[in-house]
Amino acid sequence: MDTRNIRHARSYARGAVRPVAIAIVAVIGLLAAAAWFLIIKPHQDLVMTDAGGHPSTPVTADRVAAPAPANVAAMSLNQLLAEARKAMNEQRLLAPAGNNAFEFYLKALEKQPGNQVAADALRETFPFGANSAEQAVNQRDFAEAQRQIDLLAKADPANYTLTILRSKLDAQRKLLDREQQLASDKEKQQQLAAQKAVTDKAASDKQAAEQQKTLLAEQQQKAQQARAAQQQQAEARQPTSTAAATDEAAAGGAQTRAAVLVKNSPPRYPTSAMRSSQEGWVEVNFTISADGNVGDVKVIDAQPRHVFDRAAIDAVSRWKYQPALQNGTPISSERHQRIEFKLN
């Protein structure tokens, strides 16, 4: 046979095989797709429905959970499984209380212990329920978290995840207690600081008022002493003039005259009277001895009584006189004096 004819035949055969291979692959793909849509997917949907669905199934945001059945205890097994599947589809795994998938599946197991559908659904959804309980712990909804943990414990009491959840719940409770205690301590410290500030201000105001009052009393006392000194100086000048006139009249003969004041001590204004802005006067009677000293000072009258008496007696007791003369001889004498106490 001609070699060229053999090569041409082989090339023709290879060109004819390619469309056939493509057609076979296309037919296999179509059969696989048909098997998926007609056999495999319906079977998976049926299995998912029987198991209560999968927690990761998307749920529209506007779906509203139906109210809980009126009498769960009286529901049949099929009714409980149907309610459980409905709750799973609406992602009501553990909440709300009395209307969630876990409680319906647990009721189904109470009616039929070992029910495979309920047992498998609880086992498969346990991790998702644990996540829900952990979120409640992190949100510090402690009552709801405890309820969900207890519900998980009914489904799988030996699961180690429960130990972790309980530890987190206890830690969050203790953390909240510490935060509340710190907040309470801070509030108490703020209240104490505010009370101390008020007390300190009141004490400062009182001290300032006392200092102002003392300063005013000192100023009034100085003014009173200055007026008393002026009065004593005037009184001292008047007896001196009288004595000079007497000396002139008695020139060439024996001298007779009254006692003459030579040293005048102003009275001290009582501090209590100065603080209460009291004024008054005291009339005293006293004896001037032959050596010019004052003694036997007695209060005759005073207004107000017993306020300025001691100050008047002390002041008069310090006065000095030239004694009265009778025919040139010093003699003792008595005098009556009124002492004024005024602030202005």
C-alpha atoms as a PDB file:
ATOM      1  CA  MET A   1       0.000   0.000   0.000  1.00  0.00           C
ATOM      2  CA  ASP A   2       1.172   3.482  -0.700  1.00  0.00           C
ATOM      3  CA  THR A   3       2.540   5.146   2.444  1.00  0.00           C
ATOM      4  CA  ARG A   4       0.949   8.442   1.546  1.00  0.00           C
ATOM      5  CA  ASN A   5      -2.483   6.840   1.396  1.00  0.00           C
ATOM      6  CA  ILE A   6      -1.972   5.306   4.868  1.00  0.00           C
ATOM      7  CA  ARG A   7      -1.066   8.659   6.440  1.00  0.00           C
ATOM      8  CA  HIS A   8      -4.046  10.330   4.792  1.00  0.00           C
ATOM      9  CA  ALA A   9      -6.391   7.673   6.152  1.00  0.00           C
ATOM     10  CA  ARG A  10      -5.071   8.046   9.679  1.00  0.00           C
ATOM     11  CA  SER A  11      -5.430  11.855   9.553  1.00  0.00           C
ATOM     12  CA  TYR A  12      -9.001  11.546   8.363  1.00  0.00           C
ATOM     13  CA  ALA A  13      -9.807   9.127  11.157  1.00  0.00           C
ATOM     14  CA  ARG A  14      -8.434  11.495  13.845  1.00  0.00           C
ATOM     15  CA  GLY A  15     -10.452  14.394  12.440  1.00  0.00           C
ATOM     16  CA  ALA A  16     -13.618  12.330  12.594  1.00  0.00           C
ATOM     17  CA  VAL A  17     -13.059  11.313  16.274  1.00  0.00           C
ATOM     18  CA  ARG A  18     -12.869  14.884  17.653  1.00  0.00           C
ATOM     19  CA  PRO A  19     -16.545  15.875  17.050  1.00  0.00           C
ATOM     20  CA  VAL A  20     -17.660  12.562  18.476  1.00  0.00           C
ATOM     21  CA  ALA A  21     -15.653  13.116  21.705  1.00  0.00           C
ATOM     22  CA  ILE A  22     -17.047  16.595  22.132  1.00  0.00           C
ATOM     23  CA  ALA A  23     -20.555  15.304  21.635  1.00  0.00           C
ATOM     24  CA  ILE A  24     -20.012  12.576  24.238  1.00  0.00           C
ATOM     25  CA  VAL A  25     -18.724  15.106  26.840  1.00  0.00           C
ATOM     26  CA  ALA A  26     -21.695  17.380  26.192  1.00  0.00           C
ATOM     27  CA  VAL A  27     -24.136  14.517  26.662  1.00  0.00           C
ATOM     28  CA  ILE A  28     -22.446  13.508  29.944  1.00  0.00           C
ATOM     29  CA  GLY A  29     -22.655  17.149  31.238  1.00  0.00           C
ATOM     30  CA  LEU A  30     -26.341  17.352  30.377  1.00  0.00           C
ATOM     31  CA  LEU A  31     -27.021  14.063  32.126  1.00  0.00           C
ATOM     32  CA  ALA A  32     -25.143  15.243  35.250  1.00  0.00           C
ATOM     33  CA  ALA A  33     -27.089  18.518  35.359  1.00  0.00           C
ATOM     34  CA  ALA A  34     -30.359  16.697  34.902  1.00  0.00           C
ATOM     35  CA  ALA A  35     -29.441  14.274  37.662  1.00  0.00           C
ATOM     36  CA  TRP A  36     -28.623  17.202  40.018  1.00  0.00           C
ATOM     37  CA  PHE A  37     -31.872  19.040  39.448  1.00  0.00           C
ATOM     38  CA  LEU A  38     -34.108  16.005  39.118  1.00  0.00           C
ATOM     39  CA  ILE A  39     -32.647  13.571  41.668  1.00  0.00           C
ATOM     40  CA  ILE A  40     -29.895  14.881  43.963  1.00  0.00           C
ATOM     41  CA  LYS A  41     -31.278  18.365  44.838  1.00  0.00           C
ATOM     42  CA  PRO A  42     -34.833  17.176  45.571  1.00  0.00           C
ATOM     43  CA  HIS A  43     -33.364  14.422  47.748  1.00  0.00           C
ATOM     44  CA  GLN A  44     -31.214  16.944  49.675  1.00  0.00           C
ATOM     45  CA  ASP A  45     -34.203  19.273  50.098  1.00  0.00           C
ATOM     46  CA  LEU A  46     -36.226  16.375  51.439  1.00  0.00           C
ATOM     47  CA  VAL A  47     -33.458  15.449  53.882  1.00  0.00           C
ATOM     48  CA  MET A  48     -33.082  19.042  55.026  1.00  0.00           C
ATOM     49  CA  THR A  49     -36.803  19.350  55.530  1.00  0.00           C
ATOM     50  CA  ASP A  50     -36.952  16.148  57.553  1.00  0.00           C
ATOM     51  CA  ALA A  51     -33.965  17.293  59.691  1.00  0.00           C
ATOM     52  CA  GLY A  52     -35.509  20.685  60.350  1.00  0.00           C
ATOM     53  CA  GLY A  53     -33.441  22.694  57.918  1.00  0.00           C
ATOM     54  CA  HIS A  54     -29.971  24.179  58.449  1.00  0.00           C
ATOM     55  CA  PRO A  55     -29.261  27.191  60.651  1.00  0.00           C
ATOM     56  CA  SER A  56     -27.280  28.848  57.893  1.00  0.00           C
ATOM     57  CA  THR A  57     -30.345  29.040  55.630  1.00  0.00           C
ATOM     58  CA  PRO A  58     -30.889  32.715  54.755  1.00  0.00           C
ATOM     59  CA  VAL A  59     -33.933  34.327  56.340  1.00  0.00           C
ATOM     60  CA  THR A  60     -35.467  37.502  55.077  1.00  0.00           C
ATOM     61  CA  ALA A  61     -35.161  40.400  57.507  1.00  0.00           C
ATOM     62  CA  ASP A  62     -38.850  41.235  57.449  1.00  0.00           C
ATOM     63  CA  ARG A  63     -40.024  37.741  58.423  1.00  0.00           C
ATOM     64  CA  VAL A  64     -41.973  37.852  61.695  1.00  0.00           C
ATOM     65  CA  ALA A  65     -42.006  34.779  63.964  1.00  0.00           C
ATOM     66  CA  ALA A  66     -45.396  33.258  64.493  1.00  0.00           C
ATOM     67  CA  PRO A  67     -46.801  33.204  68.022  1.00  0.00           C
ATOM     68  CA  ALA A  68     -46.081  30.128  70.138  1.00  0.00           C
ATOM     69  CA  PRO A  69     -48.616  27.281  69.946  1.00  0.00           C
ATOM     70  CA  ALA A  70     -51.294  27.511  72.594  1.00  0.00           C
ATOM     71  CA  ASN A  71     -50.857  23.990  74.046  1.00  0.00           C
ATOM     72  CA  VAL A  72     -47.434  22.505  73.278  1.00  0.00           C
ATOM     73  CA  ALA A  73     -47.852  19.630  75.711  1.00  0.00           C
ATOM     74  CA  ALA A  74     -50.872  18.351  73.777  1.00  0.00           C
ATOM     75  CA  MET A  75     -49.174  18.433  70.348  1.00  0.00           C
ATOM     76  CA  SER A  76     -48.356  15.232  68.529  1.00  0.00           C
ATOM     77  CA  LEU A  77     -44.855  14.185  67.489  1.00  0.00           C
ATOM     78  CA  ASN A  78     -45.388  15.277  63.898  1.00  0.00           C
ATOM     79  CA  GLN A  79     -46.758  18.623  65.026  1.00  0.00           C
ATOM     80  CA  LEU A  80     -43.730  19.196  67.281  1.00  0.00           C
ATOM     81  CA  LEU A  81     -41.335  18.344  64.450  1.00  0.00           C
ATOM     82  CA  ALA A  82     -43.242  20.652  62.099  1.00  0.00           C
ATOM     83  CA  GLU A  83     -43.054  23.526  64.612  1.00  0.00           C
ATOM     84  CA  ALA A  84     -39.358  22.785  65.121  1.00  0.00           C
ATOM     85  CA  ARG A  85     -38.680  22.940  61.344  1.00  0.00           C
ATOM     86  CA  LYS A  86     -40.619  26.199  61.135  1.00  0.00           C
ATOM     87  CA  ALA A  87     -38.584  27.676  63.987  1.00  0.00           C
ATOM     88  CA  MET A  88     -35.355  26.524  62.316  1.00  0.00           C
ATOM     89  CA  ASN A  89     -36.343  28.196  59.058  1.00  0.00           C
ATOM     90  CA  GLU A  90     -36.996  31.407  60.973  1.00  0.00           C
ATOM     91  CA  GLN A  91     -33.711  30.993  62.909  1.00  0.00           C
ATOM     92  CA  ARG A  92     -35.458  30.723  66.255  1.00  0.00           C
ATOM     93  CA  LEU A  93     -32.957  28.254  67.650  1.00  0.00           C
ATOM     94  CA  LEU A  94     -33.128  29.073  71.379  1.00  0.00           C
ATOM     95  CA  ALA A  95     -35.370  32.128  71.563  1.00  0.00           C
ATOM     96  CA  PRO A  96     -37.957  33.263  72.281  1.00  0.00           C
ATOM     97  CA  ALA A  97     -38.702  31.143  75.319  1.00  0.00           C
ATOM     98  CA  GLY A  98     -41.421  28.575  74.615  1.00  0.00           C
ATOM     99  CA  ASN A  99     -41.315  29.105  70.839  1.00  0.00           C
ATOM    100  CA  ASN A 100     -37.932  27.887  69.589  1.00  0.00           C
ATOM    101  CA  ALA A 101     -36.562  24.868  67.748  1.00  0.00           C
ATOM    102  CA  PHE A 102     -34.622  23.397  70.682  1.00  0.00           C
ATOM    103  CA  GLU A 103     -37.663  23.270  72.942  1.00  0.00           C
ATOM    104  CA  PHE A 104     -39.813  21.679  70.235  1.00  0.00           C
ATOM    105  CA  TYR A 105     -37.160  19.033  69.482  1.00  0.00           C
ATOM    106  CA  LEU A 106     -36.708  18.334  73.208  1.00  0.00           C
ATOM    107  CA  LYS A 107     -40.492  17.892  73.556  1.00  0.00           C
ATOM    108  CA  ALA A 108     -40.391  15.519  70.591  1.00  0.00           C
ATOM    109  CA  LEU A 109     -37.683  13.469  72.332  1.00  0.00           C
ATOM    110  CA  GLU A 110     -39.826  13.381  75.464  1.00  0.00           C
ATOM    111  CA  LYS A 111     -42.683  11.915  73.418  1.00  0.00           C
ATOM    112  CA  GLN A 112     -40.426   9.540  71.497  1.00  0.00           C
ATOM    113  CA  PRO A 113     -37.005   8.998  73.107  1.00  0.00           C
ATOM    114  CA  GLY A 114     -34.402   8.225  70.492  1.00  0.00           C
ATOM    115  CA  ASN A 115     -36.236  10.012  67.663  1.00  0.00           C
ATOM    116  CA  GLN A 116     -33.476  10.261  65.087  1.00  0.00           C
ATOM    117  CA  VAL A 117     -34.741  13.413  63.367  1.00  0.00           C
ATOM    118  CA  ALA A 118     -34.886  15.407  66.644  1.00  0.00           C
ATOM    119  CA  ALA A 119     -31.596  13.973  67.951  1.00  0.00           C
ATOM    120  CA  ASP A 120     -29.716  14.735  64.705  1.00  0.00           C
ATOM    121  CA  ALA A 121     -31.170  18.255  64.511  1.00  0.00           C
ATOM    122  CA  LEU A 122     -30.133  19.046  68.083  1.00  0.00           C
ATOM    123  CA  ARG A 123     -26.637  17.680  67.512  1.00  0.00           C
ATOM    124  CA  GLU A 124     -26.126  19.601  64.245  1.00  0.00           C
ATOM    125  CA  THR A 125     -27.495  22.904  65.554  1.00  0.00           C
ATOM    126  CA  PHE A 126     -25.820  22.749  68.985  1.00  0.00           C
ATOM    127  CA  PRO A 127     -22.785  24.906  67.889  1.00  0.00           C
ATOM    128  CA  PHE A 128     -25.106  27.549  66.471  1.00  0.00           C
ATOM    129  CA  GLY A 129     -27.151  27.562  69.663  1.00  0.00           C
ATOM    130  CA  ALA A 130     -23.919  27.944  71.641  1.00  0.00           C
ATOM    131  CA  ASN A 131     -23.080  30.995  69.535  1.00  0.00           C
ATOM    132  CA  SER A 132     -26.490  32.465  70.346  1.00  0.00           C
ATOM    133  CA  ALA A 133     -25.933  31.903  74.079  1.00  0.00           C
ATOM    134  CA  GLU A 134     -22.468  33.468  73.853  1.00  0.00           C
ATOM    135  CA  GLN A 135     -23.934  36.556  72.199  1.00  0.00           C
ATOM    136  CA  ALA A 136     -26.400  36.879  75.061  1.00  0.00           C
ATOM    137  CA  VAL A 137     -23.472  36.648  77.514  1.00  0.00           C
ATOM    138  CA  ASN A 138     -21.497  39.317  75.642  1.00  0.00           C
ATOM    139  CA  GLN A 139     -24.575  41.558  75.592  1.00  0.00           C
ATOM    140  CA  ARG A 140     -24.843  41.027  79.377  1.00  0.00           C
ATOM    141  CA  ASP A 141     -28.371  39.716  79.090  1.00  0.00           C
ATOM    142  CA  PHE A 142     -27.550  37.319  81.906  1.00  0.00           C
ATOM    143  CA  ALA A 143     -31.041  35.939  82.507  1.00  0.00           C
ATOM    144  CA  GLU A 144     -31.505  35.083  78.819  1.00  0.00           C
ATOM    145  CA  ALA A 145     -27.966  33.665  78.583  1.00  0.00           C
ATOM    146  CA  GLN A 146     -28.589  31.410  81.598  1.00  0.00           C
ATOM    147  CA  ARG A 147     -31.887  30.201  80.093  1.00  0.00           C
ATOM    148  CA  GLN A 148     -30.226  29.356  76.773  1.00  0.00           C
ATOM    149  CA  ILE A 149     -27.298  27.578  78.484  1.00  0.00           C
ATOM    150  CA  ASP A 150     -29.757  25.500  80.524  1.00  0.00           C
ATOM    151  CA  LEU A 151     -31.634  24.647  77.323  1.00  0.00           C
ATOM    152  CA  LEU A 152     -28.396  23.569  75.628  1.00  0.00           C
ATOM    153  CA  ALA A 153     -27.571  21.450  78.671  1.00  0.00           C
ATOM    154  CA  LYS A 154     -30.840  19.542  78.217  1.00  0.00           C
ATOM    155  CA  ALA A 155     -29.828  18.757  74.640  1.00  0.00           C
ATOM    156  CA  ASP A 156     -26.220  17.722  75.380  1.00  0.00           C
ATOM    157  CA  PRO A 157     -25.349  17.908  79.098  1.00  0.00           C
ATOM    158  CA  ALA A 158     -21.805  16.544  78.635  1.00  0.00           C
ATOM    159  CA  ASN A 159     -20.740  19.012  75.943  1.00  0.00           C
ATOM    160  CA  TYR A 160     -17.562  20.866  76.977  1.00  0.00           C
ATOM    161  CA  THR A 161     -18.872  24.032  75.306  1.00  0.00           C
ATOM    162  CA  LEU A 162     -21.284  24.407  78.227  1.00  0.00           C
ATOM    163  CA  THR A 163     -18.344  24.682  80.642  1.00  0.00           C
ATOM    164  CA  ILE A 164     -16.859  27.470  78.548  1.00  0.00           C
ATOM    165  CA  LEU A 165     -20.186  29.300  78.321  1.00  0.00           C
ATOM    166  CA  ARG A 166     -20.764  29.053  82.068  1.00  0.00           C
ATOM    167  CA  SER A 167     -17.249  30.364  82.731  1.00  0.00           C
ATOM    168  CA  LYS A 168     -17.824  33.320  80.400  1.00  0.00           C
ATOM    169  CA  LEU A 169     -21.186  34.033  82.011  1.00  0.00           C
ATOM    170  CA  ASP A 170     -19.632  33.983  85.498  1.00  0.00           C
ATOM    171  CA  ALA A 171     -16.747  36.198  84.354  1.00  0.00           C
ATOM    172  CA  GLN A 172     -19.123  38.733  82.796  1.00  0.00           C
ATOM    173  CA  ARG A 173     -21.236  38.815  85.951  1.00  0.00           C
ATOM    174  CA  LYS A 174     -18.160  39.425  88.105  1.00  0.00           C
ATOM    175  CA  LEU A 175     -16.916  42.082  85.675  1.00  0.00           C
ATOM    176  CA  LEU A 176     -20.280  43.838  85.813  1.00  0.00           C
ATOM    177  CA  ASP A 177     -20.246  43.676  89.615  1.00  0.00           C
ATOM    178  CA  ARG A 178     -16.764  45.243  89.674  1.00  0.00           C
ATOM    179  CA  GLU A 179     -17.790  47.956  87.239  1.00  0.00           C
ATOM    180  CA  GLN A 180     -20.885  48.739  89.297  1.00  0.00           C
ATOM    181  CA  GLN A 181     -18.797  48.786  92.492  1.00  0.00           C
ATOM    182  CA  LEU A 182     -16.244  51.103  90.895  1.00  0.00           C
ATOM    183  CA  ALA A 183     -19.024  53.369  89.661  1.00  0.00           C
ATOM    184  CA  SER A 184     -20.586  53.388  93.129  1.00  0.00           C
ATOM    185  CA  ASP A 185     -17.224  54.174  94.766  1.00  0.00           C
ATOM    186  CA  LYS A 186     -16.599  56.952  92.275  1.00  0.00           C
ATOM    187  CA  GLU A 187     -20.033  58.441  92.928  1.00  0.00           C
ATOM    188  CA  LYS A 188     -19.433  58.310  96.694  1.00  0.00           C
ATOM    189  CA  GLN A 189     -16.033  59.988  96.265  1.00  0.00           C
ATOM    190  CA  GLN A 190     -17.628  62.720  94.182  1.00  0.00           C
ATOM    191  CA  GLN A 191     -20.319  63.239  96.818  1.00  0.00           C
ATOM    192  CA  LEU A 192     -17.698  63.387  99.597  1.00  0.00           C
ATOM    193  CA  ALA A 193     -15.615  65.823  97.576  1.00  0.00           C
ATOM    194  CA  ALA A 194     -18.664  68.016  96.973  1.00  0.00           C
ATOM    195  CA  GLN A 195     -19.577  67.927 100.683  1.00  0.00           C
ATOM    196  CA  LYS A 196     -15.982  68.767 101.641  1.00  0.00           C
ATOM    197  CA  ALA A 197     -15.953  71.665  99.201  1.00  0.00           C
ATOM    198  CA  VAL A 198     -19.161  73.026 100.728  1.00  0.00           C
ATOM    199  CA  THR A 199     -17.794  72.572 104.262  1.00  0.00           C
ATOM    200  CA  ASP A 200     -14.469  74.185 103.403  1.00  0.00           C
ATOM    201  CA  LYS A 201     -16.214  77.140 101.772  1.00  0.00           C
ATOM    202  CA  ALA A 202     -18.474  77.614 104.789  1.00  0.00           C
ATOM    203  CA  ALA A 203     -15.454  77.487 107.136  1.00  0.00           C
ATOM    204  CA  SER A 204     -13.547  79.929 104.932  1.00  0.00           C
ATOM    205  CA  ASP A 205     -16.493  82.323 104.815  1.00  0.00           C
ATOM    206  CA  LYS A 206     -16.892  82.101 108.593  1.00  0.00           C
ATOM    207  CA  GLN A 207     -13.188  82.755 109.173  1.00  0.00           C
ATOM    208  CA  ALA A 208     -13.266  85.734 106.805  1.00  0.00           C
ATOM    209  CA  ALA A 209     -16.311  87.133 108.626  1.00  0.00           C
ATOM    210  CA  GLU A 210     -14.598  86.693 112.006  1.00  0.00           C
ATOM    211  CA  GLN A 211     -11.462  88.418 110.749  1.00  0.00           C
ATOM    212  CA  GLN A 212     -13.522  91.285 109.359  1.00  0.00           C
ATOM    213  CA  LYS A 213     -15.418  91.591 112.622  1.00  0.00           C
ATOM    214  CA  THR A 214     -12.211  91.578 114.680  1.00  0.00           C
ATOM    215  CA  LEU A 215     -10.648  94.205 112.418  1.00  0.00           C
ATOM    216  CA  LEU A 216     -13.724  96.408 112.778  1.00  0.00           C
ATOM    217  CA  ALA A 217     -13.656  95.973 116.573  1.00  0.00           C
ATOM    218  CA  GLU A 218      -9.987  96.975 116.695  1.00  0.00           C
ATOM    219  CA  GLN A 219     -10.650 100.042 114.587  1.00  0.00           C
ATOM    220  CA  GLN A 220     -13.572 101.037 116.817  1.00  0.00           C
ATOM    221  CA  GLN A 221     -11.472 100.499 119.949  1.00  0.00           C
ATOM    222  CA  LYS A 222      -8.680 102.700 118.592  1.00  0.00           C
ATOM    223  CA  ALA A 223     -11.199 105.418 117.724  1.00  0.00           C
ATOM    224  CA  GLN A 224     -12.699 105.210 121.234  1.00  0.00           C
ATOM    225  CA  GLN A 225      -9.288 105.451 122.859  1.00  0.00           C
ATOM    226  CA  ALA A 226      -8.436 108.474 120.734  1.00  0.00           C
ATOM    227  CA  ARG A 227     -11.671 110.223 121.741  1.00  0.00           C
ATOM    228  CA  ALA A 228     -11.109 109.376 125.406  1.00  0.00           C
ATOM    229  CA  ALA A 229      -7.573 110.775 125.215  1.00  0.00           C
ATOM    230  CA  GLN A 230      -8.859 113.995 123.699  1.00  0.00           C
ATOM    231  CA  GLN A 231     -11.506 114.267 126.429  1.00  0.00           C
ATOM    232  CA  GLN A 232      -8.944 113.713 129.179  1.00  0.00           C
ATOM    233  CA  GLN A 233      -6.613 116.280 127.662  1.00  0.00           C
ATOM    234  CA  ALA A 234      -9.449 118.823 127.645  1.00  0.00           C
ATOM    235  CA  GLU A 235     -10.313 118.012 131.239  1.00  0.00           C
ATOM    236  CA  ALA A 236      -6.657 118.294 132.228  1.00  0.00           C
ATOM    237  CA  ARG A 237      -6.374 121.748 130.675  1.00  0.00           C
ATOM    238  CA  GLN A 238      -9.498 123.029 132.434  1.00  0.00           C
ATOM    239  CA  PRO A 239      -8.390 122.229 136.026  1.00  0.00           C
ATOM    240  CA  THR A 240      -4.967 123.702 135.246  1.00  0.00           C
ATOM    241  CA  SER A 241      -6.565 126.968 134.243  1.00  0.00           C
ATOM    242  CA  THR A 242      -8.735 126.931 137.363  1.00  0.00           C
ATOM    243  CA  ALA A 243      -5.712 126.218 139.520  1.00  0.00           C
ATOM    244  CA  ALA A 244      -3.838 129.070 137.909  1.00  0.00           C
ATOM    245  CA  ALA A 245      -6.736 131.423 138.631  1.00  0.00           C
ATOM    246  CA  THR A 246      -6.864 130.219 142.216  1.00  0.00           C
ATOM    247  CA  ASP A 247      -3.138 130.768 142.591  1.00  0.00           C
ATOM    248  CA  GLU A 248      -3.518 134.326 141.328  1.00  0.00           C
ATOM    249  CA  ALA A 249      -6.461 134.998 143.648  1.00  0.00           C
ATOM    250  CA  ALA A 250      -4.650 133.544 146.633  1.00  0.00           C
ATOM    251  CA  ALA A 251      -1.376 135.385 146.038  1.00  0.00           C
ATOM    252  CA  GLY A 252       0.012 136.613 149.306  1.00  0.00           C
ATOM    253  CA  GLY A 253      -2.164 134.299 151.405  1.00  0.00           C
ATOM    254  CA  ALA A 254      -2.784 130.568 152.208  1.00  0.00           C
ATOM    255  CA  GLN A 255      -3.960 128.532 149.140  1.00  0.00           C
ATOM    256  CA  THR A 256      -7.206 126.510 149.024  1.00  0.00           C
ATOM    257  CA  ARG A 257      -8.243 124.581 145.899  1.00  0.00           C
ATOM    258  CA  ALA A 258      -9.842 121.400 144.601  1.00  0.00           C
ATOM    259  CA  ALA A 259      -7.891 118.394 143.370  1.00  0.00           C
ATOM    260  CA  VAL A 260      -6.380 118.776 139.894  1.00  0.00           C
ATOM    261  CA  LEU A 261      -6.119 115.846 137.363  1.00  0.00           C
ATOM    262  CA  VAL A 262      -2.560 115.459 136.132  1.00  0.00           C
ATOM    263  CA  LYS A 263      -2.617 111.949 134.532  1.00  0.00           C
ATOM    264  CA  ASN A 264      -5.579 110.574 132.647  1.00  0.00           C
ATOM    265  CA  SER A 265      -5.779 106.888 131.472  1.00  0.00           C
ATOM    266  CA  PRO A 266      -8.523 106.296 128.838  1.00  0.00           C
ATOM    267  CA  PRO A 267     -10.857 103.370 129.545  1.00  0.00           C
ATOM    268  CA  ARG A 268     -10.597 100.205 127.464  1.00  0.00           C
ATOM    269  CA  TYR A 269     -13.710  99.552 125.390  1.00  0.00           C
ATOM    270  CA  PRO A 270     -15.007  96.066 126.280  1.00  0.00           C
ATOM    271  CA  THR A 271     -14.583  93.673 123.349  1.00  0.00           C
ATOM    272  CA  SER A 272     -17.995  92.060 123.818  1.00  0.00           C
ATOM    273  CA  ALA A 273     -19.664  95.467 123.781  1.00  0.00           C
ATOM    274  CA  MET A 274     -17.705  96.496 120.721  1.00  0.00           C
ATOM    275  CA  ARG A 275     -18.721  93.338 118.819  1.00  0.00           C
ATOM    276  CA  SER A 276     -22.363  93.884 119.694  1.00  0.00           C
ATOM    277  CA  SER A 277     -22.047  97.637 118.929  1.00  0.00           C
ATOM    278  CA  GLN A 278     -23.180  98.637 122.415  1.00  0.00           C
ATOM    279  CA  GLU A 279     -22.735 102.180 123.768  1.00  0.00           C
ATOM    280  CA  GLY A 280     -23.377 103.638 127.215  1.00  0.00           C
ATOM    281  CA  TRP A 281     -22.014 105.536 130.217  1.00  0.00           C
ATOM    282  CA  VAL A 282     -20.942 104.980 133.808  1.00  0.00           C
ATOM    283  CA  GLU A 283     -21.081 107.423 136.745  1.00  0.00           C
ATOM    284  CA  VAL A 284     -18.502 106.766 139.445  1.00  0.00           C
ATOM    285  CA  ASN A 285     -17.675 108.278 142.813  1.00  0.00           C
ATOM    286  CA  PHE A 286     -14.106 108.025 144.105  1.00  0.00           C
ATOM    287  CA  THR A 287     -11.742 109.397 146.721  1.00  0.00           C
ATOM    288  CA  ILE A 288      -8.573 111.359 145.969  1.00  0.00           C
ATOM    289  CA  SER A 289      -6.046 110.869 148.735  1.00  0.00           C
ATOM    290  CA  ALA A 290      -3.721 113.567 150.120  1.00  0.00           C
ATOM    291  CA  ASP A 291      -0.922 112.164 147.937  1.00  0.00           C
ATOM    292  CA  GLY A 292      -3.032 112.394 144.716  1.00  0.00           C
ATOM    293  CA  ASN A 293      -3.922 108.701 144.288  1.00  0.00           C
ATOM    294  CA  VAL A 294      -7.435 107.491 143.458  1.00  0.00           C
ATOM    295  CA  GLY A 295      -9.168 104.925 145.632  1.00  0.00           C
ATOM    296  CA  ASP A 296     -12.548 103.622 146.773  1.00  0.00           C
ATOM    297  CA  VAL A 297     -14.002 103.833 143.249  1.00  0.00           C
ATOM    298  CA  LYS A 298     -17.737 103.023 143.274  1.00  0.00           C
ATOM    299  CA  VAL A 299     -20.282 102.859 140.456  1.00  0.00           C
ATOM    300  CA  ILE A 300     -23.218 105.131 141.209  1.00  0.00           C
ATOM    301  CA  ASP A 301     -25.178 104.536 138.019  1.00  0.00           C
ATOM    302  CA  ALA A 302     -24.651 103.002 134.573  1.00  0.00           C
ATOM    303  CA  GLN A 303     -26.465 102.478 131.315  1.00  0.00           C
ATOM    304  CA  PRO A 304     -26.558  99.634 130.407  1.00  0.00           C
ATOM    305  CA  ARG A 305     -25.802  98.089 133.768  1.00  0.00           C
ATOM    306  CA  HIS A 306     -22.791  95.863 134.342  1.00  0.00           C
ATOM    307  CA  VAL A 307     -21.460  96.288 130.784  1.00  0.00           C
ATOM    308  CA  PHE A 308     -18.939  99.115 131.158  1.00  0.00           C
ATOM    309  CA  ASP A 309     -18.558  99.096 134.992  1.00  0.00           C
ATOM    310  CA  ARG A 310     -15.233  97.252 135.159  1.00  0.00           C
ATOM    311  CA  ALA A 311     -13.676  99.283 132.343  1.00  0.00           C
ATOM    312  CA  ALA A 312     -14.666 102.537 134.059  1.00  0.00           C
ATOM    313  CA  ILE A 313     -13.366 101.464 137.487  1.00  0.00           C
ATOM    314  CA  ASP A 314     -10.027 100.261 136.048  1.00  0.00           C
ATOM    315  CA  ALA A 315      -9.519 103.500 134.130  1.00  0.00           C
ATOM    316  CA  VAL A 316     -10.323 105.843 137.050  1.00  0.00           C
ATOM    317  CA  SER A 317      -8.151 103.813 139.411  1.00  0.00           C
ATOM    318  CA  ARG A 318      -5.126 104.691 137.248  1.00  0.00           C
ATOM    319  CA  TRP A 319      -5.722 108.477 137.309  1.00  0.00           C
ATOM    320  CA  LYS A 320      -3.340 110.808 139.157  1.00  0.00           C
ATOM    321  CA  TYR A 321      -4.250 114.141 140.814  1.00  0.00           C
ATOM    322  CA  GLN A 322      -2.671 117.060 142.535  1.00  0.00           C
ATOM    323  CA  PRO A 323      -4.461 116.733 145.879  1.00  0.00           C
ATOM    324  CA  ALA A 324      -6.928 119.312 147.089  1.00  0.00           C
ATOM    325  CA  LEU A 325      -5.445 122.061 149.332  1.00  0.00           C
ATOM    326  CA  GLN A 326      -6.956 123.671 152.338  1.00  0.00           C
ATOM    327  CA  ASN A 327      -4.980 126.653 153.601  1.00  0.00           C
ATOM    328  CA  GLY A 328      -2.033 125.279 151.666  1.00  0.00           C
ATOM    329  CA  THR A 329      -2.263 121.782 153.204  1.00  0.00           C
ATOM    330  CA  PRO A 330      -3.006 118.695 151.002  1.00  0.00           C
ATOM    331  CA  ILE A 331      -6.194 116.960 152.014  1.00  0.00           C
ATOM    332  CA  SER A 332      -8.250 114.014 150.712  1.00  0.00           C
ATOM    333  CA  SER A 333     -11.370 114.775 148.684  1.00  0.00           C
ATOM    334  CA  GLU A 334     -14.165 113.062 146.781  1.00  0.00           C
ATOM    335  CA  ARG A 335     -15.194 113.477 143.173  1.00  0.00           C
ATOM    336  CA  HIS A 336     -18.126 112.420 141.044  1.00  0.00           C
ATOM    337  CA  GLN A 337     -17.338 111.641 137.376  1.00  0.00           C
ATOM    338  CA  ARG A 338     -19.371 110.415 134.374  1.00  0.00           C
ATOM    339  CA  ILE A 339     -17.485 108.395 131.767  1.00  0.00           C
ATOM    340  CA  GLU A 340     -18.955 108.013 128.281  1.00  0.00           C
ATOM    341  CA  PHE A 341     -18.536 104.907 126.064  1.00  0.00           C
ATOM    342  CA  LYS A 342     -19.337 105.661 122.422  1.00  0.00           C
ATOM    343  CA  LEU A 343     -18.259 103.975 119.183  1.00  0.00           C
ATOM    344  CA  ASN A 344     -18.599 107.003 116.914  1.00  0.00           C
END
